[in-house]
């Protein structure tokens, strides 16, 4: 059985509690107590969240943990010095030490990230770099694994990190089953960008939202202006104008961004050859995909695939 402790301190962000559901459903789907998940704090007892409700916790020092996850808060505040002192020696007691969102500031303050690769919420990356220049920060990663230290980005990325832990412990299919049970749209690999093309396009009307959803589900199909205009029930000219006004991009550019995002995810979570990924995401051939990747990331698909290892984790 794997013991997992989520470390919280006053005014922690309550969304971090969602990681517990991953381990809960891993137990349910396996039909055994694969994980013992405990909410812990330095002294135990009630701990107030940033949303003004409290949760009950166990005392951190009363047990040892296979995996110790440090939660974050909204303001990058550090816990007590005594808790930091405890965390400095945590790797000697735990197989994995991890953080959610701004919990990376806590691990860095404890000296656990010096010389290591890590990530945190994109909003706080510049401050993090200023405070901890010895950490190699990758601001565009959902989560990063460097040895026995795992860090994740914004709060929902904690769920992705927890799913990756389940994958590491019990395999890819176990993580996929948990993701499906939690109605997670897709199991995001660590290398996936913190920024979503659909969020950044930010369509206002139902018509354009419907077109973008259709495009994402049919990336290897006909996504010409004429085809998309038909989905929106507009003339091609009207559709192009409305789409550009709402998203600030042409339909062609937006479709390329959706295809690049999908292709990168496939590279980071599968071992499919470049040619297959290019075909499945609608690029048709590897050269067209290469040019799109250079425009989007300044790197070729091969370079990104090599960096991720093509297995969904950044190791």
Foldseek 3Di string as FASTA:
>chain_A
DFEEEEEEAAAFAVLLVVLVLLQVVLCVVVVHNPYDYFYEYQQFQWHAHVVGDTDGHDHPVPDFGQEYEYTHHDPLDEDDPVVLCVLLCNVVGYQAYEYEASCVSSCVVSVNQFQHEWEHALVCVVVSCVVRVRHRYDHFWQWADDRRYIYGYHSVSSNLVSLVVCCVVPNDVSSVVSCVVVVPVDNFFGRQGPDDLVVLQQADDPLLVQLVVVCLVPQLDDPDLCVSCVSSVHHSVVVQVNSCVRRVDGSVLSSLRSLLNQLLRQLLAADDDLQVSCNRRRVNGQVSSQVSCCVVPVDGSVVSSVQNVSHRHRD
